N, C-alpha and C. Protein backbone atom coordinates (compact mmCIF):
# COMPACT_ATOMS: atom_id res chain seq x y z
N MET A 1 35.46 -6.67 -15.13
CA MET A 1 34.03 -6.82 -15.17
C MET A 1 33.50 -6.75 -13.73
N THR A 2 32.37 -6.09 -13.55
CA THR A 2 31.75 -6.03 -12.23
C THR A 2 30.40 -6.71 -12.28
N THR A 3 29.98 -7.20 -11.16
CA THR A 3 28.66 -7.81 -11.06
C THR A 3 27.91 -7.17 -9.91
N THR A 4 26.60 -7.23 -9.99
CA THR A 4 25.77 -6.71 -8.91
C THR A 4 25.49 -7.85 -7.95
N PRO A 5 25.73 -7.62 -6.65
CA PRO A 5 25.42 -8.68 -5.68
C PRO A 5 23.94 -9.08 -5.79
N PRO A 6 23.62 -10.36 -5.56
CA PRO A 6 22.24 -10.82 -5.74
C PRO A 6 21.23 -10.04 -4.92
N GLU A 7 21.59 -9.60 -3.71
CA GLU A 7 20.62 -8.90 -2.86
C GLU A 7 20.27 -7.51 -3.37
N THR A 8 21.08 -6.94 -4.30
CA THR A 8 20.76 -5.62 -4.82
C THR A 8 20.29 -5.67 -6.27
N ARG A 9 20.31 -6.84 -6.86
CA ARG A 9 19.83 -6.98 -8.23
C ARG A 9 18.33 -6.72 -8.29
N PRO A 10 17.89 -5.91 -9.25
CA PRO A 10 16.44 -5.68 -9.35
C PRO A 10 15.73 -6.97 -9.76
N PHE A 11 14.53 -7.13 -9.28
CA PHE A 11 13.75 -8.30 -9.68
C PHE A 11 12.69 -7.85 -10.66
N PRO A 12 12.26 -8.75 -11.51
CA PRO A 12 11.22 -8.38 -12.47
C PRO A 12 9.92 -8.04 -11.73
N THR A 13 9.23 -6.99 -12.18
CA THR A 13 7.99 -6.62 -11.51
C THR A 13 6.92 -7.71 -11.65
N SER A 14 7.08 -8.60 -12.62
CA SER A 14 6.12 -9.70 -12.74
C SER A 14 6.18 -10.62 -11.53
N ASP A 15 7.29 -10.60 -10.78
CA ASP A 15 7.39 -11.40 -9.57
C ASP A 15 6.38 -10.97 -8.51
N LEU A 16 5.90 -9.72 -8.61
CA LEU A 16 4.93 -9.20 -7.65
C LEU A 16 3.53 -9.75 -7.91
N GLY A 17 3.28 -10.19 -9.13
CA GLY A 17 1.92 -10.56 -9.50
C GLY A 17 1.11 -9.29 -9.71
N THR A 18 -0.19 -9.43 -9.72
CA THR A 18 -1.07 -8.28 -9.86
C THR A 18 -1.20 -7.61 -8.50
N LEU A 19 -0.95 -6.30 -8.46
CA LEU A 19 -1.10 -5.56 -7.22
C LEU A 19 -2.41 -4.79 -7.27
N VAL A 20 -3.08 -4.74 -6.12
CA VAL A 20 -4.32 -3.98 -6.01
C VAL A 20 -4.20 -3.01 -4.84
N MET A 21 -4.92 -1.89 -4.96
CA MET A 21 -4.95 -0.91 -3.88
C MET A 21 -6.40 -0.47 -3.70
N MET A 22 -6.84 -0.44 -2.46
CA MET A 22 -8.21 -0.07 -2.14
C MET A 22 -8.18 1.00 -1.05
N ALA A 23 -9.14 1.91 -1.12
CA ALA A 23 -9.22 3.02 -0.16
C ALA A 23 -10.47 2.90 0.69
N TRP A 24 -10.33 3.31 1.95
CA TRP A 24 -11.49 3.42 2.84
C TRP A 24 -11.15 4.40 3.94
N SER A 25 -12.15 4.85 4.63
CA SER A 25 -11.92 5.71 5.79
C SER A 25 -12.80 5.20 6.92
N GLY A 26 -12.35 5.48 8.12
CA GLY A 26 -13.11 5.05 9.29
C GLY A 26 -12.74 5.90 10.49
N GLU A 27 -13.61 5.90 11.45
CA GLU A 27 -13.41 6.71 12.63
C GLU A 27 -12.20 6.22 13.43
N ALA A 28 -11.34 7.16 13.80
CA ALA A 28 -10.14 6.86 14.59
C ALA A 28 -10.41 7.20 16.05
N ALA A 29 -9.43 6.94 16.89
CA ALA A 29 -9.56 7.16 18.34
C ALA A 29 -9.90 8.61 18.68
N ASP A 30 -9.49 9.56 17.84
CA ASP A 30 -9.77 10.97 18.11
C ASP A 30 -11.17 11.39 17.64
N GLY A 31 -11.96 10.45 17.12
CA GLY A 31 -13.32 10.74 16.70
C GLY A 31 -13.45 11.25 15.28
N LYS A 32 -12.33 11.52 14.61
CA LYS A 32 -12.34 11.99 13.22
C LYS A 32 -12.04 10.82 12.29
N ASP A 33 -12.50 10.93 11.05
CA ASP A 33 -12.22 9.88 10.06
C ASP A 33 -10.74 9.85 9.70
N MET A 34 -10.22 8.65 9.54
CA MET A 34 -8.85 8.42 9.11
C MET A 34 -8.90 7.82 7.70
N PRO A 35 -8.17 8.39 6.75
CA PRO A 35 -8.13 7.81 5.41
C PRO A 35 -7.05 6.71 5.34
N TYR A 36 -7.44 5.55 4.82
CA TYR A 36 -6.53 4.41 4.70
C TYR A 36 -6.43 3.97 3.25
N LEU A 37 -5.29 3.38 2.94
CA LEU A 37 -5.08 2.69 1.67
C LEU A 37 -4.55 1.30 2.00
N LEU A 38 -5.11 0.29 1.39
CA LEU A 38 -4.64 -1.07 1.56
C LEU A 38 -4.11 -1.54 0.21
N ALA A 39 -2.86 -1.98 0.18
CA ALA A 39 -2.27 -2.51 -1.05
C ALA A 39 -1.80 -3.94 -0.79
N CYS A 40 -1.98 -4.79 -1.79
CA CYS A 40 -1.53 -6.18 -1.67
C CYS A 40 -1.45 -6.80 -3.05
N THR A 41 -0.86 -7.96 -3.10
CA THR A 41 -0.80 -8.74 -4.34
C THR A 41 -1.99 -9.68 -4.40
N LEU A 42 -2.34 -10.09 -5.60
CA LEU A 42 -3.35 -11.14 -5.74
C LEU A 42 -2.71 -12.52 -5.63
N GLY A 43 -1.38 -12.56 -5.54
CA GLY A 43 -0.68 -13.83 -5.41
C GLY A 43 -0.58 -14.60 -6.72
N ASP A 44 -0.80 -13.90 -7.83
CA ASP A 44 -0.83 -14.57 -9.13
C ASP A 44 0.47 -14.43 -9.91
N ALA A 45 1.59 -14.31 -9.20
CA ALA A 45 2.88 -14.24 -9.87
C ALA A 45 3.16 -15.58 -10.57
N PRO A 46 4.00 -15.58 -11.59
CA PRO A 46 4.30 -16.83 -12.31
C PRO A 46 4.79 -17.95 -11.39
N GLU A 47 5.50 -17.60 -10.34
CA GLU A 47 6.04 -18.61 -9.42
C GLU A 47 5.11 -18.90 -8.24
N GLY A 48 3.92 -18.28 -8.23
CA GLY A 48 2.93 -18.59 -7.21
C GLY A 48 2.82 -17.55 -6.11
N PRO A 49 1.86 -17.76 -5.19
CA PRO A 49 1.58 -16.79 -4.12
C PRO A 49 2.76 -16.54 -3.18
N GLU A 50 3.52 -17.59 -2.85
CA GLU A 50 4.64 -17.41 -1.94
C GLU A 50 5.71 -16.52 -2.56
N ALA A 51 5.96 -16.70 -3.85
CA ALA A 51 6.94 -15.87 -4.54
C ALA A 51 6.45 -14.43 -4.64
N ALA A 52 5.16 -14.23 -4.87
CA ALA A 52 4.60 -12.88 -4.93
C ALA A 52 4.75 -12.20 -3.58
N SER A 53 4.45 -12.91 -2.51
CA SER A 53 4.59 -12.35 -1.16
C SER A 53 6.04 -11.98 -0.87
N ALA A 54 6.96 -12.85 -1.24
CA ALA A 54 8.38 -12.57 -1.02
C ALA A 54 8.83 -11.35 -1.82
N ALA A 55 8.37 -11.23 -3.06
CA ALA A 55 8.75 -10.09 -3.89
C ALA A 55 8.19 -8.79 -3.33
N VAL A 56 6.95 -8.80 -2.85
CA VAL A 56 6.38 -7.61 -2.23
C VAL A 56 7.18 -7.24 -0.98
N GLY A 57 7.52 -8.24 -0.17
CA GLY A 57 8.32 -7.99 1.02
C GLY A 57 9.66 -7.36 0.70
N LYS A 58 10.32 -7.84 -0.34
CA LYS A 58 11.62 -7.28 -0.74
C LYS A 58 11.45 -5.85 -1.23
N MET A 59 10.42 -5.61 -2.02
CA MET A 59 10.18 -4.26 -2.53
C MET A 59 9.95 -3.29 -1.37
N LEU A 60 9.18 -3.71 -0.38
CA LEU A 60 8.89 -2.84 0.76
C LEU A 60 10.13 -2.55 1.59
N THR A 61 10.90 -3.59 1.92
CA THR A 61 12.10 -3.37 2.73
C THR A 61 13.15 -2.57 1.96
N ASP A 62 13.24 -2.78 0.65
CA ASP A 62 14.16 -1.98 -0.16
C ASP A 62 13.79 -0.50 -0.13
N ALA A 63 12.50 -0.21 0.06
CA ALA A 63 12.03 1.18 0.11
C ALA A 63 12.08 1.75 1.53
N GLY A 64 12.60 0.97 2.48
CA GLY A 64 12.71 1.46 3.85
C GLY A 64 11.45 1.27 4.67
N LEU A 65 10.57 0.38 4.24
CA LEU A 65 9.33 0.11 4.95
C LEU A 65 9.41 -1.28 5.58
N PRO A 66 9.59 -1.36 6.90
CA PRO A 66 9.73 -2.67 7.54
C PRO A 66 8.41 -3.43 7.58
N VAL A 67 8.44 -4.66 7.13
CA VAL A 67 7.26 -5.52 7.16
C VAL A 67 7.10 -6.04 8.59
N GLY A 68 5.92 -5.83 9.14
CA GLY A 68 5.65 -6.30 10.50
C GLY A 68 6.27 -5.42 11.58
N GLY A 69 6.86 -4.33 11.18
CA GLY A 69 7.52 -3.45 12.13
C GLY A 69 6.63 -2.31 12.57
N GLU A 70 7.25 -1.31 13.12
CA GLU A 70 6.54 -0.15 13.62
C GLU A 70 6.04 0.71 12.47
N LEU A 71 5.08 1.54 12.80
CA LEU A 71 4.53 2.51 11.86
C LEU A 71 5.62 3.49 11.46
N VAL A 72 5.78 3.72 10.17
CA VAL A 72 6.75 4.69 9.66
C VAL A 72 6.00 5.99 9.41
N ASP A 73 6.49 7.08 9.96
CA ASP A 73 5.86 8.38 9.77
C ASP A 73 6.60 9.14 8.67
N GLY A 74 5.97 9.26 7.52
CA GLY A 74 6.57 9.95 6.38
C GLY A 74 6.86 11.42 6.65
N HIS A 75 6.17 12.03 7.62
CA HIS A 75 6.45 13.41 7.98
C HIS A 75 7.85 13.54 8.58
N LEU A 76 8.29 12.50 9.29
CA LEU A 76 9.58 12.52 9.97
C LEU A 76 10.72 12.00 9.11
N LYS A 77 10.39 11.46 7.93
CA LYS A 77 11.39 10.89 7.02
C LYS A 77 11.23 11.50 5.64
N PRO A 78 11.66 12.74 5.46
CA PRO A 78 11.46 13.39 4.15
C PRO A 78 12.18 12.67 3.01
N SER A 79 13.19 11.86 3.31
CA SER A 79 13.90 11.15 2.24
C SER A 79 13.25 9.80 1.91
N LEU A 80 12.16 9.46 2.58
CA LEU A 80 11.47 8.21 2.31
C LEU A 80 11.04 8.20 0.84
N PRO A 81 11.39 7.15 0.09
CA PRO A 81 11.07 7.14 -1.34
C PRO A 81 9.66 6.67 -1.65
N VAL A 82 8.71 7.03 -0.79
CA VAL A 82 7.32 6.67 -0.97
C VAL A 82 6.50 7.95 -0.82
N SER A 83 5.57 8.18 -1.75
CA SER A 83 4.79 9.40 -1.68
C SER A 83 3.34 9.14 -2.07
N LEU A 84 2.48 10.08 -1.67
CA LEU A 84 1.05 10.02 -1.97
C LEU A 84 0.64 11.31 -2.64
N LEU A 85 0.04 11.18 -3.81
CA LEU A 85 -0.53 12.31 -4.53
C LEU A 85 -2.03 12.08 -4.62
N VAL A 86 -2.81 13.09 -4.25
CA VAL A 86 -4.26 13.02 -4.35
C VAL A 86 -4.69 14.01 -5.42
N VAL A 87 -5.28 13.49 -6.49
CA VAL A 87 -5.64 14.35 -7.62
C VAL A 87 -6.82 13.73 -8.36
N ALA A 88 -7.79 14.57 -8.70
CA ALA A 88 -8.93 14.18 -9.54
C ALA A 88 -9.62 12.91 -9.05
N GLY A 89 -9.86 12.83 -7.74
CA GLY A 89 -10.56 11.68 -7.19
C GLY A 89 -9.75 10.40 -7.17
N GLN A 90 -8.44 10.52 -7.27
CA GLN A 90 -7.53 9.37 -7.27
C GLN A 90 -6.48 9.52 -6.19
N ALA A 91 -6.11 8.42 -5.57
CA ALA A 91 -4.95 8.37 -4.69
C ALA A 91 -3.86 7.66 -5.48
N VAL A 92 -2.69 8.29 -5.58
CA VAL A 92 -1.59 7.72 -6.35
C VAL A 92 -0.40 7.55 -5.41
N VAL A 93 0.02 6.31 -5.22
CA VAL A 93 1.18 6.00 -4.39
C VAL A 93 2.35 5.69 -5.33
N THR A 94 3.47 6.36 -5.07
CA THR A 94 4.66 6.16 -5.88
C THR A 94 5.78 5.70 -4.95
N MET A 95 6.46 4.65 -5.37
CA MET A 95 7.64 4.15 -4.66
C MET A 95 8.54 3.48 -5.68
N PRO A 96 9.77 3.16 -5.31
CA PRO A 96 10.63 2.49 -6.29
C PRO A 96 9.95 1.23 -6.85
N ARG A 97 9.98 1.09 -8.15
CA ARG A 97 9.41 -0.03 -8.90
C ARG A 97 7.90 -0.06 -8.94
N LEU A 98 7.23 0.98 -8.41
CA LEU A 98 5.78 0.90 -8.34
C LEU A 98 5.11 2.27 -8.39
N ASN A 99 4.09 2.37 -9.21
CA ASN A 99 3.13 3.47 -9.19
C ASN A 99 1.77 2.81 -9.15
N ALA A 100 1.01 3.08 -8.09
CA ALA A 100 -0.31 2.47 -7.95
C ALA A 100 -1.33 3.57 -7.72
N GLN A 101 -2.51 3.38 -8.27
CA GLN A 101 -3.56 4.37 -8.04
C GLN A 101 -4.89 3.68 -7.88
N CYS A 102 -5.78 4.36 -7.16
CA CYS A 102 -7.14 3.87 -7.04
C CYS A 102 -8.08 5.05 -6.91
N THR A 103 -9.30 4.82 -7.30
CA THR A 103 -10.33 5.83 -7.17
C THR A 103 -10.76 5.89 -5.71
N VAL A 104 -10.96 7.11 -5.21
CA VAL A 104 -11.35 7.29 -3.81
C VAL A 104 -12.68 8.04 -3.78
N GLY A 105 -13.45 7.81 -2.73
CA GLY A 105 -14.75 8.45 -2.59
C GLY A 105 -14.67 9.79 -1.87
N GLU A 106 -15.80 10.47 -1.84
CA GLU A 106 -15.87 11.78 -1.20
C GLU A 106 -15.51 11.71 0.28
N GLU A 107 -15.95 10.66 0.95
CA GLU A 107 -15.65 10.51 2.38
C GLU A 107 -14.14 10.41 2.62
N TRP A 108 -13.47 9.64 1.77
CA TRP A 108 -12.02 9.49 1.89
C TRP A 108 -11.33 10.82 1.60
N LEU A 109 -11.78 11.49 0.55
CA LEU A 109 -11.19 12.79 0.20
C LEU A 109 -11.37 13.79 1.34
N ALA A 110 -12.53 13.80 1.97
CA ALA A 110 -12.75 14.71 3.10
C ALA A 110 -11.83 14.36 4.26
N ALA A 111 -11.64 13.07 4.52
CA ALA A 111 -10.76 12.64 5.61
C ALA A 111 -9.31 13.04 5.34
N VAL A 112 -8.83 12.85 4.12
CA VAL A 112 -7.45 13.21 3.81
C VAL A 112 -7.27 14.73 3.80
N ALA A 113 -8.30 15.46 3.38
CA ALA A 113 -8.22 16.92 3.40
C ALA A 113 -8.16 17.42 4.84
N GLY A 114 -8.90 16.78 5.73
CA GLY A 114 -8.91 17.18 7.13
C GLY A 114 -7.63 16.86 7.86
N ARG A 115 -7.01 15.77 7.52
CA ARG A 115 -5.79 15.33 8.21
C ARG A 115 -4.51 15.74 7.50
N GLY A 116 -4.55 15.78 6.17
CA GLY A 116 -3.34 16.11 5.42
C GLY A 116 -2.47 14.89 5.15
N TYR A 117 -2.95 13.72 5.49
CA TYR A 117 -2.19 12.49 5.27
C TYR A 117 -3.14 11.31 5.23
N ALA A 118 -2.60 10.17 4.79
CA ALA A 118 -3.33 8.90 4.80
C ALA A 118 -2.39 7.83 5.33
N CYS A 119 -2.96 6.76 5.81
CA CYS A 119 -2.18 5.63 6.31
C CYS A 119 -2.21 4.51 5.27
N LEU A 120 -1.03 4.16 4.75
CA LEU A 120 -0.90 3.07 3.79
C LEU A 120 -0.56 1.79 4.54
N ILE A 121 -1.34 0.77 4.30
CA ILE A 121 -1.06 -0.57 4.81
C ILE A 121 -0.76 -1.42 3.59
N PHE A 122 0.51 -1.79 3.43
CA PHE A 122 0.92 -2.58 2.26
C PHE A 122 1.34 -3.94 2.77
N THR A 123 0.50 -4.93 2.55
CA THR A 123 0.72 -6.25 3.11
C THR A 123 1.30 -7.22 2.09
N THR A 124 2.11 -8.14 2.59
CA THR A 124 2.64 -9.20 1.75
C THR A 124 1.66 -10.35 1.63
N ARG A 125 0.61 -10.31 2.43
CA ARG A 125 -0.41 -11.36 2.40
C ARG A 125 -1.26 -11.19 1.14
N PRO A 126 -1.37 -12.22 0.32
CA PRO A 126 -2.17 -12.11 -0.90
C PRO A 126 -3.66 -11.95 -0.59
N TRP A 127 -4.33 -11.16 -1.43
CA TRP A 127 -5.77 -10.99 -1.32
C TRP A 127 -6.44 -12.32 -1.66
N PRO A 128 -7.35 -12.79 -0.81
CA PRO A 128 -7.97 -14.10 -1.05
C PRO A 128 -9.19 -14.06 -1.96
N GLY A 129 -9.63 -12.87 -2.35
CA GLY A 129 -10.89 -12.74 -3.08
C GLY A 129 -10.76 -12.81 -4.57
N GLU A 130 -11.76 -12.27 -5.21
CA GLU A 130 -11.88 -12.29 -6.66
C GLU A 130 -10.85 -11.37 -7.32
N ALA A 131 -10.79 -11.46 -8.63
CA ALA A 131 -9.86 -10.67 -9.43
C ALA A 131 -10.28 -9.20 -9.46
N PRO A 132 -9.37 -8.31 -9.91
CA PRO A 132 -9.71 -6.88 -10.00
C PRO A 132 -10.94 -6.65 -10.86
N GLY A 133 -11.65 -5.57 -10.51
CA GLY A 133 -12.84 -5.21 -11.27
C GLY A 133 -14.11 -5.76 -10.67
N THR A 134 -13.98 -6.63 -9.67
CA THR A 134 -15.17 -7.16 -9.02
C THR A 134 -15.47 -6.33 -7.77
N THR A 135 -16.71 -6.31 -7.39
CA THR A 135 -17.11 -5.59 -6.19
C THR A 135 -16.76 -6.45 -4.97
N VAL A 136 -16.18 -5.81 -3.98
CA VAL A 136 -15.79 -6.51 -2.75
C VAL A 136 -16.82 -6.18 -1.68
N ALA A 137 -17.37 -7.20 -1.06
CA ALA A 137 -18.32 -6.99 0.03
C ALA A 137 -17.59 -6.37 1.21
N ARG A 138 -18.26 -5.44 1.90
CA ARG A 138 -17.66 -4.76 3.04
C ARG A 138 -17.14 -5.76 4.08
N GLU A 139 -17.91 -6.80 4.35
CA GLU A 139 -17.51 -7.79 5.35
C GLU A 139 -16.23 -8.51 4.93
N GLU A 140 -16.14 -8.87 3.64
CA GLU A 140 -14.96 -9.56 3.13
C GLU A 140 -13.73 -8.65 3.24
N PHE A 141 -13.90 -7.38 2.85
CA PHE A 141 -12.80 -6.43 2.91
C PHE A 141 -12.36 -6.22 4.36
N THR A 142 -13.32 -5.97 5.25
CA THR A 142 -13.01 -5.71 6.66
C THR A 142 -12.31 -6.90 7.29
N GLU A 143 -12.79 -8.10 6.98
CA GLU A 143 -12.17 -9.31 7.53
C GLU A 143 -10.70 -9.41 7.12
N PHE A 144 -10.41 -9.14 5.85
CA PHE A 144 -9.03 -9.21 5.37
C PHE A 144 -8.18 -8.07 5.93
N ALA A 145 -8.69 -6.84 5.84
CA ALA A 145 -7.91 -5.66 6.21
C ALA A 145 -7.58 -5.61 7.70
N THR A 146 -8.44 -6.16 8.53
CA THR A 146 -8.21 -6.08 9.98
C THR A 146 -7.66 -7.38 10.58
N ALA A 147 -7.45 -8.39 9.78
CA ALA A 147 -6.94 -9.67 10.28
C ALA A 147 -5.52 -9.51 10.80
N ASP A 148 -5.23 -10.16 11.92
CA ASP A 148 -3.87 -10.13 12.46
C ASP A 148 -2.85 -10.58 11.42
N ALA A 149 -3.20 -11.62 10.64
CA ALA A 149 -2.26 -12.14 9.64
C ALA A 149 -1.94 -11.08 8.58
N THR A 150 -2.92 -10.26 8.23
CA THR A 150 -2.70 -9.19 7.25
C THR A 150 -1.80 -8.11 7.83
N LEU A 151 -2.12 -7.67 9.04
CA LEU A 151 -1.37 -6.57 9.66
C LEU A 151 0.04 -6.98 10.05
N GLU A 152 0.22 -8.20 10.51
CA GLU A 152 1.56 -8.68 10.87
C GLU A 152 2.47 -8.84 9.65
N ALA A 153 1.87 -8.99 8.47
CA ALA A 153 2.63 -9.14 7.23
C ALA A 153 2.69 -7.84 6.45
N ALA A 154 2.42 -6.72 7.13
CA ALA A 154 2.31 -5.44 6.41
C ALA A 154 3.35 -4.43 6.87
N ALA A 155 3.70 -3.57 5.93
CA ALA A 155 4.41 -2.33 6.25
C ALA A 155 3.32 -1.28 6.39
N ARG A 156 3.44 -0.46 7.43
CA ARG A 156 2.44 0.58 7.67
C ARG A 156 3.17 1.92 7.67
N VAL A 157 2.63 2.86 6.89
CA VAL A 157 3.30 4.15 6.76
C VAL A 157 2.28 5.29 6.66
N VAL A 158 2.56 6.35 7.38
CA VAL A 158 1.76 7.57 7.27
C VAL A 158 2.38 8.38 6.13
N LEU A 159 1.55 8.67 5.12
CA LEU A 159 2.04 9.40 3.95
C LEU A 159 1.40 10.79 3.88
N PRO A 160 2.21 11.84 3.95
CA PRO A 160 1.65 13.17 3.74
C PRO A 160 1.01 13.23 2.35
N ALA A 161 -0.16 13.83 2.29
CA ALA A 161 -0.89 13.92 1.01
C ALA A 161 -0.45 15.18 0.28
N ARG A 162 -0.03 14.98 -0.96
CA ARG A 162 0.31 16.10 -1.83
C ARG A 162 -0.79 16.22 -2.87
N SER A 163 -0.91 17.41 -3.43
CA SER A 163 -1.86 17.61 -4.52
C SER A 163 -1.21 18.55 -5.52
N LEU A 164 -1.78 18.56 -6.71
CA LEU A 164 -1.29 19.49 -7.74
C LEU A 164 -1.90 20.84 -7.47
N ARG A 165 -1.10 21.85 -7.51
CA ARG A 165 -1.60 23.21 -7.28
C ARG A 165 -1.42 24.00 -8.57
N GLY A 166 -2.45 24.71 -8.95
CA GLY A 166 -2.42 25.45 -10.19
C GLY A 166 -1.97 26.87 -10.02
């Protein structure tokens, strides 16, 4: 009989809690808009926010995305098991144990079309706001997305944007 070591055993996706992904674009140092995606847990896992954060951290490191580390450039790592598909006004991020999508606006679509990639910030820090489906005030979003605590607890990756071609 063989057993799987505990560090490689898959964990239930319910340990992640509810995951949310939001898109925005903003002017970068080169003067052009940069498309961003922010993903995080709501911290509502059965074992609580700390367990949700730990599960997100494990999922990210298992996918080769260091939490709190340097920016990972997906262009330079073709074997990275994380991808971005942009189709029908949606950004779809696929990685082991996760497929996430969100609706994106025209500004974001123009930014990703111009650059050919987007920057994913996937933080282990739980979102402090309301549940999914509610409108998020720009100030609340900006405060969370740019907070040192959010960025220090995040994996950051440049994802080449793919699209379906007919």
